Amino acid sequence: MSNEERELLIKALEYAEYQTLRDKAMKNQQVVHCTEDGVVYEEPARDVFVRLYNEPAPSF
């Protein structure tokens, strides 16, 4: 896989993550996270979306 292909793949995955998180935030759903020591927890998608993308939480 060339560097160009790798960069395109990474961009596509980042976009897919953005879309999925935005859709979950719009539906007031939870997302599952895992800490470095393996503790699994849920967090509102709206909080994660605002924190990661510095955008207002989406709504319908």
Protein backbone atom coordinates (compact mmCIF):
# COMPACT_ATOMS: atom_id res chain seq x y z
CA MET A 1 0.00 0.00 0.00
CA SER A 2 1.44 3.34 -1.00
CA ASN A 3 1.55 6.41 1.26
CA GLU A 4 -1.10 8.09 -0.88
CA GLU A 5 -3.45 5.12 -0.51
CA ARG A 6 -2.83 5.02 3.23
CA GLU A 7 -3.62 8.73 3.57
CA LEU A 8 -6.86 8.31 1.60
CA LEU A 9 -7.86 5.39 3.79
CA ILE A 10 -7.19 7.38 6.96
CA LYS A 11 -9.23 10.33 5.66
CA ALA A 12 -12.11 8.00 4.79
CA LEU A 13 -12.05 6.43 8.26
CA GLU A 14 -11.94 9.84 9.94
CA TYR A 15 -14.94 10.97 7.89
CA ALA A 16 -16.85 7.77 8.73
CA GLU A 17 -16.13 8.30 12.43
CA TYR A 18 -17.33 11.91 12.21
CA GLN A 19 -20.57 10.91 10.46
CA THR A 20 -21.28 8.06 12.88
CA LEU A 21 -20.64 10.19 15.94
CA ARG A 22 -22.75 13.05 14.53
CA ASP A 23 -25.65 10.66 13.84
CA LYS A 24 -25.45 9.17 17.34
CA ALA A 25 -25.33 12.65 18.86
CA MET A 26 -28.44 13.67 16.92
CA LYS A 27 -30.28 10.64 18.33
CA ASN A 28 -29.02 11.25 21.90
CA GLN A 29 -27.30 7.87 21.95
CA GLN A 30 -24.31 6.67 23.93
CA VAL A 31 -20.86 5.66 22.67
CA VAL A 32 -18.64 3.06 24.31
CA HIS A 33 -15.07 3.93 25.24
CA CYS A 34 -12.24 2.03 26.84
CA THR A 35 -9.51 3.51 29.02
CA GLU A 36 -5.87 2.54 28.62
CA ASP A 37 -6.15 0.15 31.56
CA GLY A 38 -9.14 -1.64 29.98
CA VAL A 39 -12.08 -0.11 31.83
CA VAL A 40 -15.11 0.10 29.54
CA TYR A 41 -17.58 2.95 29.98
CA GLU A 42 -20.37 4.74 28.13
CA GLU A 43 -20.55 8.45 27.42
CA PRO A 44 -23.16 10.58 25.65
CA ALA A 45 -22.28 10.98 21.98
CA ARG A 46 -23.17 14.68 22.19
CA ASP A 47 -20.40 15.29 24.74
CA VAL A 48 -17.84 13.40 22.69
CA PHE A 49 -18.84 15.17 19.47
CA VAL A 50 -18.53 18.64 21.01
CA ARG A 51 -15.21 17.77 22.67
CA LEU A 52 -13.60 16.24 19.58
CA TYR A 53 -14.85 18.56 16.84
CA ASN A 54 -15.48 21.85 18.68
CA GLU A 55 -18.85 22.14 16.96
CA PRO A 56 -22.27 22.61 18.54
CA ALA A 57 -24.12 19.40 19.21
CA PRO A 58 -26.25 18.53 16.19
CA SER A 59 -30.03 18.30 16.40
CA PHE A 60 -32.84 17.42 14.05
